[in-house]
Amino acid sequence: MRSWIAAAAVALACGSFVAKGAEPADTEKLLVGNWSCVDGACPDEEIAFAIEDGERSYSSWLHHRPSVIGSTWKLDGKRVTVTREGSVSYDWRIVKLDAKRLVLREVEGADELLLKRIVEKKKTPPKK
């Protein structure tokens, strides 16, 4: 029992990553959003996983211009597959995922990419 508590404390200290056996809906909620490349084999500077009207879309930007549009993604456990026109563009496994960080590894390779969540700053209305 104590070893479980110690392991949980270490996990919390290192960040809240997707736990073994995490619900797919929880993983999906954490994955959806805009991400900025920090390090590694990133396809572009920024990527986004979105769900609009039940459709999963994937987009990316390079130098603040659209790079990939019209792609879709699916989540199967910890595997994220991005496709465009029926062809697989990216096939990643989620290594770590929390509200601020995402680490993906190519399924058929060892390359990893580290991304941080892009947090949109809320605009405050001007004072009168």
C-alpha atoms as a PDB file:
ATOM      1  CA  MET A   1       0.000   0.000   0.000  1.00  0.00           C
ATOM      2  CA  ARG A   2       2.800   2.427   0.879  1.00  0.00           C
ATOM      3  CA  SER A   3       4.591   1.785  -2.419  1.00  0.00           C
ATOM      4  CA  TRP A   4       1.418   2.792  -4.299  1.00  0.00           C
ATOM      5  CA  ILE A   5       1.197   6.032  -2.295  1.00  0.00           C
ATOM      6  CA  ALA A   6       4.881   6.755  -2.942  1.00  0.00           C
ATOM      7  CA  ALA A   7       4.430   6.094  -6.674  1.00  0.00           C
ATOM      8  CA  ALA A   8       1.407   8.400  -6.762  1.00  0.00           C
ATOM      9  CA  ALA A   9       3.352  11.141  -4.988  1.00  0.00           C
ATOM     10  CA  VAL A  10       6.208  10.842  -7.503  1.00  0.00           C
ATOM     11  CA  ALA A  11       3.744  10.954 -10.406  1.00  0.00           C
ATOM     12  CA  LEU A  12       2.094  14.068  -9.015  1.00  0.00           C
ATOM     13  CA  ALA A  13       5.456  15.743  -8.469  1.00  0.00           C
ATOM     14  CA  CYS A  14       6.469  15.012 -12.071  1.00  0.00           C
ATOM     15  CA  GLY A  15       3.160  16.173 -13.550  1.00  0.00           C
ATOM     16  CA  SER A  16      -0.246  14.672 -14.133  1.00  0.00           C
ATOM     17  CA  PHE A  17       0.344  12.486 -17.161  1.00  0.00           C
ATOM     18  CA  VAL A  18      -2.226  10.192 -18.704  1.00  0.00           C
ATOM     19  CA  ALA A  19      -2.414   7.337 -16.257  1.00  0.00           C
ATOM     20  CA  LYS A  20      -2.435   3.697 -17.232  1.00  0.00           C
ATOM     21  CA  GLY A  21      -6.059   2.766 -17.732  1.00  0.00           C
ATOM     22  CA  ALA A  22      -7.185   6.385 -18.129  1.00  0.00           C
ATOM     23  CA  GLU A  23     -10.556   6.774 -19.755  1.00  0.00           C
ATOM     24  CA  PRO A  24     -10.323   7.516 -23.499  1.00  0.00           C
ATOM     25  CA  ALA A  25     -12.669  10.490 -23.056  1.00  0.00           C
ATOM     26  CA  ASP A  26     -10.250  12.007 -20.521  1.00  0.00           C
ATOM     27  CA  THR A  27      -7.311  11.534 -22.885  1.00  0.00           C
ATOM     28  CA  GLU A  28      -9.293  13.039 -25.738  1.00  0.00           C
ATOM     29  CA  LYS A  29     -10.259  16.089 -23.654  1.00  0.00           C
ATOM     30  CA  LEU A  30      -6.608  16.691 -22.747  1.00  0.00           C
ATOM     31  CA  LEU A  31      -5.423  16.181 -26.329  1.00  0.00           C
ATOM     32  CA  VAL A  32      -7.859  18.602 -27.976  1.00  0.00           C
ATOM     33  CA  GLY A  33      -6.388  22.069 -28.351  1.00  0.00           C
ATOM     34  CA  ASN A  34      -3.512  24.024 -29.832  1.00  0.00           C
ATOM     35  CA  TRP A  35       0.091  22.929 -29.259  1.00  0.00           C
ATOM     36  CA  SER A  36       3.451  24.570 -29.916  1.00  0.00           C
ATOM     37  CA  CYS A  37       6.601  22.599 -30.713  1.00  0.00           C
ATOM     38  CA  VAL A  38       9.275  22.868 -28.029  1.00  0.00           C
ATOM     39  CA  ASP A  39      11.712  20.149 -29.076  1.00  0.00           C
ATOM     40  CA  GLY A  40      12.128  17.063 -31.209  1.00  0.00           C
ATOM     41  CA  ALA A  41      10.812  15.807 -34.528  1.00  0.00           C
ATOM     42  CA  CYS A  42       7.830  18.169 -34.794  1.00  0.00           C
ATOM     43  CA  PRO A  43       6.080  18.220 -38.174  1.00  0.00           C
ATOM     44  CA  ASP A  44       5.460  21.987 -37.893  1.00  0.00           C
ATOM     45  CA  GLU A  45       5.772  24.812 -35.353  1.00  0.00           C
ATOM     46  CA  GLU A  46       2.170  24.547 -34.172  1.00  0.00           C
ATOM     47  CA  ILE A  47      -0.439  21.802 -34.381  1.00  0.00           C
ATOM     48  CA  ALA A  48      -4.079  21.575 -33.361  1.00  0.00           C
ATOM     49  CA  PHE A  49      -6.400  18.707 -32.541  1.00  0.00           C
ATOM     50  CA  ALA A  50     -10.042  19.808 -32.715  1.00  0.00           C
ATOM     51  CA  ILE A  51     -13.519  18.323 -32.544  1.00  0.00           C
ATOM     52  CA  GLU A  52     -16.214  20.297 -34.339  1.00  0.00           C
ATOM     53  CA  ASP A  53     -19.738  18.903 -34.737  1.00  0.00           C
ATOM     54  CA  GLY A  54     -18.402  15.450 -33.853  1.00  0.00           C
ATOM     55  CA  GLU A  55     -15.697  15.584 -36.553  1.00  0.00           C
ATOM     56  CA  ARG A  56     -12.058  15.345 -35.494  1.00  0.00           C
ATOM     57  CA  SER A  57      -9.775  17.689 -37.431  1.00  0.00           C
ATOM     58  CA  TYR A  58      -6.010  18.142 -37.411  1.00  0.00           C
ATOM     59  CA  SER A  59      -4.239  21.283 -38.602  1.00  0.00           C
ATOM     60  CA  SER A  60      -0.713  22.642 -38.404  1.00  0.00           C
ATOM     61  CA  TRP A  61       1.069  25.934 -38.998  1.00  0.00           C
ATOM     62  CA  LEU A  62       4.570  26.832 -40.081  1.00  0.00           C
ATOM     63  CA  HIS A  63       5.774  30.439 -39.764  1.00  0.00           C
ATOM     64  CA  HIS A  64       2.229  31.440 -38.732  1.00  0.00           C
ATOM     65  CA  ARG A  65       0.797  30.171 -42.030  1.00  0.00           C
ATOM     66  CA  PRO A  66      -1.343  27.055 -42.558  1.00  0.00           C
ATOM     67  CA  SER A  67       0.775  24.023 -43.421  1.00  0.00           C
ATOM     68  CA  VAL A  68      -1.631  21.088 -43.074  1.00  0.00           C
ATOM     69  CA  ILE A  69      -5.386  21.471 -43.360  1.00  0.00           C
ATOM     70  CA  GLY A  70      -8.138  19.028 -44.191  1.00  0.00           C
ATOM     71  CA  SER A  71      -6.735  16.186 -42.097  1.00  0.00           C
ATOM     72  CA  THR A  72      -8.530  14.091 -39.514  1.00  0.00           C
ATOM     73  CA  TRP A  73      -7.318  12.257 -36.429  1.00  0.00           C
ATOM     74  CA  LYS A  74      -8.433   9.307 -34.366  1.00  0.00           C
ATOM     75  CA  LEU A  75      -7.482   8.174 -30.904  1.00  0.00           C
ATOM     76  CA  ASP A  76      -7.159   4.466 -30.126  1.00  0.00           C
ATOM     77  CA  GLY A  77      -5.941   4.085 -26.547  1.00  0.00           C
ATOM     78  CA  LYS A  78      -2.700   6.043 -26.536  1.00  0.00           C
ATOM     79  CA  ARG A  79      -2.280   5.907 -30.310  1.00  0.00           C
ATOM     80  CA  VAL A  80      -3.055   9.018 -32.369  1.00  0.00           C
ATOM     81  CA  THR A  81      -3.332   8.581 -36.128  1.00  0.00           C
ATOM     82  CA  VAL A  82      -3.596  11.574 -38.471  1.00  0.00           C
ATOM     83  CA  THR A  83      -4.917  10.900 -41.979  1.00  0.00           C
ATOM     84  CA  ARG A  84      -5.578  12.955 -45.071  1.00  0.00           C
ATOM     85  CA  GLU A  85      -7.572  11.669 -48.007  1.00  0.00           C
ATOM     86  CA  GLY A  86      -7.311   8.113 -46.650  1.00  0.00           C
ATOM     87  CA  SER A  87      -3.510   8.120 -46.262  1.00  0.00           C
ATOM     88  CA  VAL A  88      -1.754   8.109 -42.890  1.00  0.00           C
ATOM     89  CA  SER A  89       0.258  11.303 -42.414  1.00  0.00           C
ATOM     90  CA  TYR A  90       1.355  10.735 -38.813  1.00  0.00           C
ATOM     91  CA  ASP A  91       1.123   7.770 -36.479  1.00  0.00           C
ATOM     92  CA  TRP A  92       2.086   8.619 -32.908  1.00  0.00           C
ATOM     93  CA  ARG A  93       1.875   7.081 -29.453  1.00  0.00           C
ATOM     94  CA  ILE A  94       1.173   9.390 -26.508  1.00  0.00           C
ATOM     95  CA  VAL A  95       4.100   9.133 -24.110  1.00  0.00           C
ATOM     96  CA  LYS A  96       3.019  11.920 -21.743  1.00  0.00           C
ATOM     97  CA  LEU A  97       0.008  14.196 -21.689  1.00  0.00           C
ATOM     98  CA  ASP A  98      -1.243  16.731 -19.200  1.00  0.00           C
ATOM     99  CA  ALA A  99      -2.919  20.127 -19.341  1.00  0.00           C
ATOM    100  CA  LYS A 100       0.342  21.852 -20.340  1.00  0.00           C
ATOM    101  CA  ARG A 101       2.577  19.292 -22.077  1.00  0.00           C
ATOM    102  CA  LEU A 102       2.315  16.620 -24.745  1.00  0.00           C
ATOM    103  CA  VAL A 103       5.027  14.141 -25.698  1.00  0.00           C
ATOM    104  CA  LEU A 104       4.428  11.999 -28.779  1.00  0.00           C
ATOM    105  CA  ARG A 105       6.606   9.210 -30.201  1.00  0.00           C
ATOM    106  CA  GLU A 106       6.402   7.819 -33.716  1.00  0.00           C
ATOM    107  CA  VAL A 107       4.834   4.349 -33.597  1.00  0.00           C
ATOM    108  CA  GLU A 108       7.321   2.952 -36.133  1.00  0.00           C
ATOM    109  CA  GLY A 109      10.363   4.806 -34.808  1.00  0.00           C
ATOM    110  CA  ALA A 110      12.100   6.363 -31.860  1.00  0.00           C
ATOM    111  CA  ASP A 111      11.629  10.045 -32.721  1.00  0.00           C
ATOM    112  CA  GLU A 112       9.761  12.040 -30.096  1.00  0.00           C
ATOM    113  CA  LEU A 113       8.269  15.490 -30.133  1.00  0.00           C
ATOM    114  CA  LEU A 114       7.651  17.704 -27.123  1.00  0.00           C
ATOM    115  CA  LEU A 115       4.827  20.207 -27.332  1.00  0.00           C
ATOM    116  CA  LYS A 116       3.388  22.760 -24.932  1.00  0.00           C
ATOM    117  CA  ARG A 117      -0.210  23.867 -24.894  1.00  0.00           C
ATOM    118  CA  ILE A 118      -0.912  27.273 -26.391  1.00  0.00           C
ATOM    119  CA  VAL A 119      -3.035  29.164 -23.912  1.00  0.00           C
ATOM    120  CA  GLU A 120      -5.075  31.952 -25.400  1.00  0.00           C
ATOM    121  CA  LYS A 121      -4.927  35.080 -23.289  1.00  0.00           C
ATOM    122  CA  LYS A 122      -8.317  36.417 -22.369  1.00  0.00           C
ATOM    123  CA  LYS A 123      -8.885  39.950 -23.514  1.00  0.00           C
ATOM    124  CA  THR A 124     -10.188  42.263 -20.852  1.00  0.00           C
ATOM    125  CA  PRO A 125     -12.657  44.903 -21.919  1.00  0.00           C
ATOM    126  CA  PRO A 126     -11.273  48.453 -21.950  1.00  0.00           C
ATOM    127  CA  LYS A 127     -11.960  50.533 -18.890  1.00  0.00           C
ATOM    128  CA  LYS A 128     -14.473  53.309 -19.303  1.00  0.00           C
END
